[in-house]
C-alpha atoms as a PDB file:
ATOM      1  CA  UNK A   1      20.919  -3.128   8.634  1.00  0.00           C
ATOM      2  CA  UNK A   2      17.564  -1.387   8.342  1.00  0.00           C
ATOM      3  CA  UNK A   3      14.256  -1.972  10.059  1.00  0.00           C
ATOM      4  CA  UNK A   4      11.497  -2.448   7.515  1.00  0.00           C
ATOM      5  CA  UNK A   5       8.038  -1.567   8.833  1.00  0.00           C
ATOM      6  CA  UNK A   6       5.332  -3.224   6.715  1.00  0.00           C
ATOM      7  CA  UNK A   7       1.842  -1.702   6.805  1.00  0.00           C
ATOM      8  CA  UNK A   8      -0.753  -3.820   4.996  1.00  0.00           C
ATOM      9  CA  UNK A   9      -3.479  -2.945   2.502  1.00  0.00           C
ATOM     10  CA  UNK A  10      -7.138  -3.004   3.524  1.00  0.00           C
ATOM     11  CA  UNK A  11      -8.564  -6.273   4.782  1.00  0.00           C
ATOM     12  CA  UNK A  12      -5.195  -7.912   5.345  1.00  0.00           C
ATOM     13  CA  UNK A  13      -3.100  -8.961   8.294  1.00  0.00           C
ATOM     14  CA  UNK A  14       0.470 -10.165   8.825  1.00  0.00           C
ATOM     15  CA  UNK A  15      -0.060 -13.187   6.551  1.00  0.00           C
ATOM     16  CA  UNK A  16       0.039 -10.939   3.504  1.00  0.00           C
ATOM     17  CA  UNK A  17       3.636  -9.905   4.181  1.00  0.00           C
ATOM     18  CA  UNK A  18       5.139 -13.332   4.967  1.00  0.00           C
ATOM     19  CA  UNK A  19       6.921 -13.903   1.614  1.00  0.00           C
ATOM     20  CA  UNK A  20       8.380 -10.376   1.565  1.00  0.00           C
ATOM     21  CA  UNK A  21       9.305 -10.562   5.257  1.00  0.00           C
ATOM     22  CA  UNK A  22      11.331 -13.697   4.580  1.00  0.00           C
ATOM     23  CA  UNK A  23      13.155 -12.046   1.671  1.00  0.00           C
ATOM     24  CA  UNK A  24      14.032  -8.962   3.714  1.00  0.00           C
ATOM     25  CA  UNK A  25      15.228 -11.023   6.667  1.00  0.00           C
ATOM     26  CA  UNK A  26      17.421 -13.043   4.296  1.00  0.00           C
ATOM     27  CA  UNK A  27      19.053  -9.732   3.356  1.00  0.00           C
ATOM     28  CA  UNK A  28      19.917  -9.163   7.021  1.00  0.00           C
ATOM     29  CA  UNK A  29      17.216  -6.666   7.971  1.00  0.00           C
ATOM     30  CA  UNK A  30      14.851  -6.516  10.892  1.00  0.00           C
ATOM     31  CA  UNK A  31      11.182  -6.544   9.911  1.00  0.00           C
ATOM     32  CA  UNK A  32       8.202  -5.186  11.857  1.00  0.00           C
ATOM     33  CA  UNK A  33       4.920  -6.472  10.432  1.00  0.00           C
ATOM     34  CA  UNK A  34       2.121  -4.211  11.651  1.00  0.00           C
ATOM     35  CA  UNK A  35      -1.110  -5.986  12.571  1.00  0.00           C
ATOM     36  CA  UNK A  36      -3.748  -3.303  12.106  1.00  0.00           C
ATOM     37  CA  UNK A  37      -7.173  -3.718  13.784  1.00  0.00           C
ATOM     38  CA  UNK A  38      -8.891  -3.696  10.400  1.00  0.00           C
ATOM     39  CA  UNK A  39     -11.922  -5.656  11.604  1.00  0.00           C
ATOM     40  CA  UNK A  40     -12.553  -3.416  14.635  1.00  0.00           C
ATOM     41  CA  UNK A  41     -15.370  -0.923  14.028  1.00  0.00           C
ATOM     42  CA  UNK A  42     -14.128   1.248  16.899  1.00  0.00           C
ATOM     43  CA  UNK A  43     -10.729   1.810  15.252  1.00  0.00           C
ATOM     44  CA  UNK A  44     -10.018   4.637  12.817  1.00  0.00           C
ATOM     45  CA  UNK A  45      -6.839   6.083  11.350  1.00  0.00           C
ATOM     46  CA  UNK A  46      -5.738   7.446  14.741  1.00  0.00           C
ATOM     47  CA  UNK A  47      -5.956   3.978  16.281  1.00  0.00           C
ATOM     48  CA  UNK A  48      -4.234   2.398  13.281  1.00  0.00           C
ATOM     49  CA  UNK A  49      -1.369   4.858  13.697  1.00  0.00           C
ATOM     50  CA  UNK A  50      -1.109   4.185  17.430  1.00  0.00           C
ATOM     51  CA  UNK A  51      -0.867   0.441  16.776  1.00  0.00           C
ATOM     52  CA  UNK A  52       1.902   0.944  14.212  1.00  0.00           C
ATOM     53  CA  UNK A  53       3.893   3.348  16.388  1.00  0.00           C
ATOM     54  CA  UNK A  54       3.657   0.952  19.332  1.00  0.00           C
ATOM     55  CA  UNK A  55       4.863  -1.933  17.146  1.00  0.00           C
ATOM     56  CA  UNK A  56       7.891   0.105  16.069  1.00  0.00           C
ATOM     57  CA  UNK A  57       8.834   0.976  19.628  1.00  0.00           C
ATOM     58  CA  UNK A  58      12.305   2.503  19.926  1.00  0.00           C
ATOM     59  CA  UNK A  59      13.689   0.946  16.749  1.00  0.00           C
ATOM     60  CA  UNK A  60      15.677   3.163  14.394  1.00  0.00           C
ATOM     61  CA  UNK A  61      16.853   3.107  10.757  1.00  0.00           C
ATOM     62  CA  UNK A  62      13.236   2.801   9.713  1.00  0.00           C
ATOM     63  CA  UNK A  63      11.979   2.130   6.198  1.00  0.00           C
ATOM     64  CA  UNK A  64       8.189   2.302   6.281  1.00  0.00           C
ATOM     65  CA  UNK A  65       6.491   0.389   3.453  1.00  0.00           C
ATOM     66  CA  UNK A  66       2.770   1.106   3.206  1.00  0.00           C
ATOM     67  CA  UNK A  67       0.595  -0.525   0.565  1.00  0.00           C
ATOM     68  CA  UNK A  68      -2.636   0.689  -1.004  1.00  0.00           C
ATOM     69  CA  UNK A  69      -4.985   1.959   1.766  1.00  0.00           C
ATOM     70  CA  UNK A  70      -2.033   1.507   4.137  1.00  0.00           C
ATOM     71  CA  UNK A  71      -0.573   4.720   2.693  1.00  0.00           C
ATOM     72  CA  UNK A  72      -2.950   6.711   4.888  1.00  0.00           C
ATOM     73  CA  UNK A  73      -1.520   5.106   8.011  1.00  0.00           C
ATOM     74  CA  UNK A  74       2.058   5.058   6.727  1.00  0.00           C
ATOM     75  CA  UNK A  75       2.193   8.805   6.249  1.00  0.00           C
ATOM     76  CA  UNK A  76       0.699   9.399   9.709  1.00  0.00           C
ATOM     77  CA  UNK A  77       3.276   7.077  11.247  1.00  0.00           C
ATOM     78  CA  UNK A  78       6.084   9.028   9.573  1.00  0.00           C
ATOM     79  CA  UNK A  79       4.708  12.205  11.120  1.00  0.00           C
ATOM     80  CA  UNK A  80       5.378  10.674  14.545  1.00  0.00           C
ATOM     81  CA  UNK A  81       8.532   8.569  14.196  1.00  0.00           C
ATOM     82  CA  UNK A  82      11.913   9.473  12.643  1.00  0.00           C
ATOM     83  CA  UNK A  83      11.761   7.300   9.532  1.00  0.00           C
ATOM     84  CA  UNK A  84      14.587   7.351   7.017  1.00  0.00           C
ATOM     85  CA  UNK A  85      12.279   6.528   4.102  1.00  0.00           C
ATOM     86  CA  UNK A  86       8.601   6.069   3.346  1.00  0.00           C
ATOM     87  CA  UNK A  87       7.769   3.815   0.390  1.00  0.00           C
ATOM     88  CA  UNK A  88       4.200   3.988  -0.883  1.00  0.00           C
ATOM     89  CA  UNK A  89       3.418   0.718  -2.638  1.00  0.00           C
ATOM     90  CA  UNK A  90       0.549   0.794  -5.185  1.00  0.00           C
ATOM     91  CA  UNK A  91      -0.855   3.550  -2.979  1.00  0.00           C
ATOM     92  CA  UNK A  92      -4.048   5.378  -2.268  1.00  0.00           C
ATOM     93  CA  UNK A  93      -2.187   8.682  -1.958  1.00  0.00           C
ATOM     94  CA  UNK A  94      -3.960  10.832   0.652  1.00  0.00           C
ATOM     95  CA  UNK A  95      -4.626  14.538   0.430  1.00  0.00           C
ATOM     96  CA  UNK A  96      -5.091  16.899   3.401  1.00  0.00           C
ATOM     97  CA  UNK A  97      -8.704  17.100   4.500  1.00  0.00           C
ATOM     98  CA  UNK A  98      -9.862  14.235   2.290  1.00  0.00           C
ATOM     99  CA  UNK A  99     -11.256  11.086   3.865  1.00  0.00           C
ATOM    100  CA  UNK A 100     -10.319   7.701   2.434  1.00  0.00           C
ATOM    101  CA  UNK A 101     -13.973   7.242   1.562  1.00  0.00           C
ATOM    102  CA  UNK A 102     -13.871  10.413  -0.553  1.00  0.00           C
ATOM    103  CA  UNK A 103     -10.640   9.352  -2.268  1.00  0.00           C
ATOM    104  CA  UNK A 104     -12.366   7.038  -4.717  1.00  0.00           C
ATOM    105  CA  UNK A 105     -14.333   9.862  -6.306  1.00  0.00           C
ATOM    106  CA  UNK A 106     -12.001  12.818  -5.867  1.00  0.00           C
ATOM    107  CA  UNK A 107      -8.892  11.031  -7.181  1.00  0.00           C
ATOM    108  CA  UNK A 108     -10.421  10.296 -10.574  1.00  0.00           C
ATOM    109  CA  UNK A 109     -10.373   6.557  -9.924  1.00  0.00           C
ATOM    110  CA  UNK A 110     -13.734   5.679 -11.586  1.00  0.00           C
ATOM    111  CA  UNK A 111     -12.718   7.432 -14.783  1.00  0.00           C
ATOM    112  CA  UNK A 112      -9.360   5.639 -14.790  1.00  0.00           C
ATOM    113  CA  UNK A 113     -10.996   2.247 -14.397  1.00  0.00           C
ATOM    114  CA  UNK A 114     -13.488   3.007 -17.163  1.00  0.00           C
ATOM    115  CA  UNK A 115     -10.703   4.126 -19.502  1.00  0.00           C
ATOM    116  CA  UNK A 116      -8.749   0.945 -18.748  1.00  0.00           C
ATOM    117  CA  UNK A 117     -11.769  -1.241 -19.498  1.00  0.00           C
ATOM    118  CA  UNK A 118     -12.440   0.560 -22.773  1.00  0.00           C
ATOM    119  CA  UNK A 119      -8.790   0.365 -23.789  1.00  0.00           C
ATOM    120  CA  UNK A 120      -8.661  -3.380 -23.122  1.00  0.00           C
ATOM    121  CA  UNK A 121     -12.120  -4.145 -24.500  1.00  0.00           C
ATOM    122  CA  UNK A 122     -13.405  -5.518 -21.178  1.00  0.00           C
ATOM    123  CA  UNK A 123     -17.101  -6.001 -20.595  1.00  0.00           C
ATOM    124  CA  UNK A 124     -18.640  -4.605 -17.375  1.00  0.00           C
ATOM    125  CA  UNK A 125     -18.658  -8.156 -16.019  1.00  0.00           C
ATOM    126  CA  UNK A 126     -14.957  -8.587 -16.719  1.00  0.00           C
ATOM    127  CA  UNK A 127     -14.202  -5.243 -15.078  1.00  0.00           C
ATOM    128  CA  UNK A 128     -15.776  -6.574 -11.872  1.00  0.00           C
ATOM    129  CA  UNK A 129     -14.065  -9.972 -11.982  1.00  0.00           C
ATOM    130  CA  UNK A 130     -11.516 -10.092  -9.121  1.00  0.00           C
ATOM    131  CA  UNK A 131      -9.456 -12.718 -10.936  1.00  0.00           C
ATOM    132  CA  UNK A 132      -8.898 -10.272 -13.792  1.00  0.00           C
ATOM    133  CA  UNK A 133      -8.759  -7.020 -11.841  1.00  0.00           C
ATOM    134  CA  UNK A 134      -7.170  -7.878  -8.492  1.00  0.00           C
ATOM    135  CA  UNK A 135      -5.608 -11.344  -8.606  1.00  0.00           C
ATOM    136  CA  UNK A 136      -4.349 -11.244 -12.195  1.00  0.00           C
ATOM    137  CA  UNK A 137      -0.713 -11.809 -11.194  1.00  0.00           C
ATOM    138  CA  UNK A 138      -1.351 -14.596  -8.648  1.00  0.00           C
ATOM    139  CA  UNK A 139      -1.299 -18.351  -9.066  1.00  0.00           C
ATOM    140  CA  UNK A 140      -4.550 -20.220  -8.324  1.00  0.00           C
ATOM    141  CA  UNK A 141      -2.959 -21.470  -5.110  1.00  0.00           C
ATOM    142  CA  UNK A 142      -2.206 -17.936  -3.941  1.00  0.00           C
ATOM    143  CA  UNK A 143      -5.700 -16.769  -4.896  1.00  0.00           C
ATOM    144  CA  UNK A 144      -7.134 -19.516  -2.718  1.00  0.00           C
ATOM    145  CA  UNK A 145      -4.774 -18.707   0.146  1.00  0.00           C
ATOM    146  CA  UNK A 146      -5.639 -15.015  -0.122  1.00  0.00           C
ATOM    147  CA  UNK A 147      -9.326 -15.811   0.231  1.00  0.00           C
ATOM    148  CA  UNK A 148      -8.665 -18.040   3.230  1.00  0.00           C
ATOM    149  CA  UNK A 149      -6.582 -15.387   4.988  1.00  0.00           C
ATOM    150  CA  UNK A 150      -8.644 -12.295   4.114  1.00  0.00           C
ATOM    151  CA  UNK A 151      -9.991 -10.279   7.011  1.00  0.00           C
ATOM    152  CA  UNK A 152     -13.045  -8.087   7.308  1.00  0.00           C
ATOM    153  CA  UNK A 153     -12.295  -4.414   6.701  1.00  0.00           C
ATOM    154  CA  UNK A 154     -14.261  -1.985   8.834  1.00  0.00           C
ATOM    155  CA  UNK A 155     -15.519   1.179   7.156  1.00  0.00           C
ATOM    156  CA  UNK A 156     -14.657   3.309  10.189  1.00  0.00           C
ATOM    157  CA  UNK A 157     -11.201   4.494   9.056  1.00  0.00           C
ATOM    158  CA  UNK A 158     -12.669   5.602   5.725  1.00  0.00           C
ATOM    159  CA  UNK A 159     -14.994   8.124   7.354  1.00  0.00           C
ATOM    160  CA  UNK A 160     -12.839  10.923   8.789  1.00  0.00           C
ATOM    161  CA  UNK A 161     -10.538  13.277   6.848  1.00  0.00           C
ATOM    162  CA  UNK A 162      -6.817  12.586   6.729  1.00  0.00           C
ATOM    163  CA  UNK A 163      -5.669  14.911   9.529  1.00  0.00           C
ATOM    164  CA  UNK A 164      -2.338  16.276   8.276  1.00  0.00           C
ATOM    165  CA  UNK A 165      -2.089  19.728   6.700  1.00  0.00           C
ATOM    166  CA  UNK A 166       0.841  18.702   4.501  1.00  0.00           C
ATOM    167  CA  UNK A 167       2.938  15.694   3.622  1.00  0.00           C
ATOM    168  CA  UNK A 168       5.209  14.618   6.509  1.00  0.00           C
ATOM    169  CA  UNK A 169       8.848  15.665   6.402  1.00  0.00           C
ATOM    170  CA  UNK A 170      10.244  12.313   5.327  1.00  0.00           C
ATOM    171  CA  UNK A 171      11.944  11.176   2.112  1.00  0.00           C
ATOM    172  CA  UNK A 172       9.171   9.525   0.122  1.00  0.00           C
ATOM    173  CA  UNK A 173       9.130   7.228  -2.868  1.00  0.00           C
ATOM    174  CA  UNK A 174       6.211   5.567  -4.640  1.00  0.00           C
ATOM    175  CA  UNK A 175       6.508   2.121  -6.188  1.00  0.00           C
ATOM    176  CA  UNK A 176       3.750   1.151  -8.594  1.00  0.00           C
ATOM    177  CA  UNK A 177       3.113  -1.968 -10.677  1.00  0.00           C
ATOM    178  CA  UNK A 178       2.763  -2.007 -14.426  1.00  0.00           C
ATOM    179  CA  UNK A 179       0.342  -4.961 -14.382  1.00  0.00           C
ATOM    180  CA  UNK A 180      -1.917  -3.509 -11.677  1.00  0.00           C
ATOM    181  CA  UNK A 181      -5.498  -3.639 -12.982  1.00  0.00           C
ATOM    182  CA  UNK A 182      -7.031  -2.490  -9.704  1.00  0.00           C
ATOM    183  CA  UNK A 183      -5.122   0.808  -9.601  1.00  0.00           C
ATOM    184  CA  UNK A 184      -4.203   1.353 -13.267  1.00  0.00           C
ATOM    185  CA  UNK A 185      -0.576   2.330 -13.652  1.00  0.00           C
ATOM    186  CA  UNK A 186      -1.184   5.491 -15.693  1.00  0.00           C
ATOM    187  CA  UNK A 187      -3.670   6.656 -13.074  1.00  0.00           C
ATOM    188  CA  UNK A 188      -1.168   6.117 -10.251  1.00  0.00           C
ATOM    189  CA  UNK A 189       1.657   7.793 -12.150  1.00  0.00           C
ATOM    190  CA  UNK A 190      -0.374  10.980 -12.379  1.00  0.00           C
ATOM    191  CA  UNK A 191      -1.806  10.760  -8.859  1.00  0.00           C
ATOM    192  CA  UNK A 192       1.640  10.429  -7.294  1.00  0.00           C
ATOM    193  CA  UNK A 193       2.942  13.362  -9.297  1.00  0.00           C
ATOM    194  CA  UNK A 194      -0.082  15.550  -8.577  1.00  0.00           C
ATOM    195  CA  UNK A 195      -0.337  14.853  -4.856  1.00  0.00           C
ATOM    196  CA  UNK A 196       3.253  14.578  -3.641  1.00  0.00           C
ATOM    197  CA  UNK A 197       5.237  15.946  -6.571  1.00  0.00           C
ATOM    198  CA  UNK A 198       7.414  12.922  -7.298  1.00  0.00           C
ATOM    199  CA  UNK A 199       7.839  10.510 -10.181  1.00  0.00           C
ATOM    200  CA  UNK A 200       6.893   6.981  -9.230  1.00  0.00           C
ATOM    201  CA  UNK A 201       9.254   4.064  -9.606  1.00  0.00           C
ATOM    202  CA  UNK A 202       7.816   1.053 -11.411  1.00  0.00           C
ATOM    203  CA  UNK A 203       8.088  -2.720 -11.460  1.00  0.00           C
ATOM    204  CA  UNK A 204       6.138  -5.630 -12.917  1.00  0.00           C
ATOM    205  CA  UNK A 205       3.293  -7.274 -11.072  1.00  0.00           C
ATOM    206  CA  UNK A 206      -0.328  -6.796 -10.115  1.00  0.00           C
ATOM    207  CA  UNK A 207      -1.837  -5.152  -7.053  1.00  0.00           C
ATOM    208  CA  UNK A 208      -0.955  -7.837  -4.432  1.00  0.00           C
ATOM    209  CA  UNK A 209       2.683  -7.750  -5.538  1.00  0.00           C
ATOM    210  CA  UNK A 210       4.078  -8.719  -2.143  1.00  0.00           C
ATOM    211  CA  UNK A 211       2.531 -12.155  -2.712  1.00  0.00           C
ATOM    212  CA  UNK A 212       3.242 -12.591  -6.399  1.00  0.00           C
ATOM    213  CA  UNK A 213       6.795 -11.184  -6.610  1.00  0.00           C
ATOM    214  CA  UNK A 214       8.325 -10.966  -3.127  1.00  0.00           C
ATOM    215  CA  UNK A 215      11.944 -11.383  -4.217  1.00  0.00           C
ATOM    216  CA  UNK A 216      11.683  -8.757  -6.945  1.00  0.00           C
ATOM    217  CA  UNK A 217       9.870  -6.442  -4.546  1.00  0.00           C
ATOM    218  CA  UNK A 218      12.549  -6.886  -1.878  1.00  0.00           C
ATOM    219  CA  UNK A 219      15.213  -6.011  -4.452  1.00  0.00           C
ATOM    220  CA  UNK A 220      13.278  -2.915  -5.511  1.00  0.00           C
ATOM    221  CA  UNK A 221      12.877  -1.786  -1.890  1.00  0.00           C
ATOM    222  CA  UNK A 222      16.564  -2.253  -1.234  1.00  0.00           C
ATOM    223  CA  UNK A 223      17.443  -0.179  -4.300  1.00  0.00           C
ATOM    224  CA  UNK A 224      15.153   2.622  -3.096  1.00  0.00           C
ATOM    225  CA  UNK A 225      16.621   2.461   0.420  1.00  0.00           C
ATOM    226  CA  UNK A 226      20.190   2.691  -0.845  1.00  0.00           C
ATOM    227  CA  UNK A 227      19.335   5.728  -2.985  1.00  0.00           C
ATOM    228  CA  UNK A 228      17.517   7.556  -0.170  1.00  0.00           C
END
């Protein structure tokens, strides 16, 4: 049995992980769903990490799953606790000395989004439509539920540089989604390779894949854990 530690993307709380949590528990694992203080303007990455470490407590056999902006916190957590595996899910991969706010420009993200829009023939309006870009893999019911359960995301944790000098000493995998329009898959393939020197694993699905494909995601996480 493993302990899966689930760190959410920006503007999300424990609700986001409920379908995946159920799948992992059905497989016999313990699950720690981290409730980050995303709507607290006094909390930055240090406070996010403290909250996650406290939630983990003295548990062992840790598999830390950190999605999107959660990758910044996930890597910091793995610098403080003895995790067996860190899985970056559709991640904003941090770089030493770079703040999350700087990531959008320095990673090449705007160019990747523009190339995707040109390749698919999207108008500027379509490229800003959340139903096409972010929720493209969700049912209308899940889109509505996502809106109802969304939380405010403070800008505070985006301001200060990521404090580590190098990637933490933990086995790391990246899992990206081929139907992700928010973080285009070719962009993430290259970013993962450039920043942490690994080849990403891939699955179907859009950016909020824990909602749209929880069973498939649980199976993918288990396969990564067993190979670690």
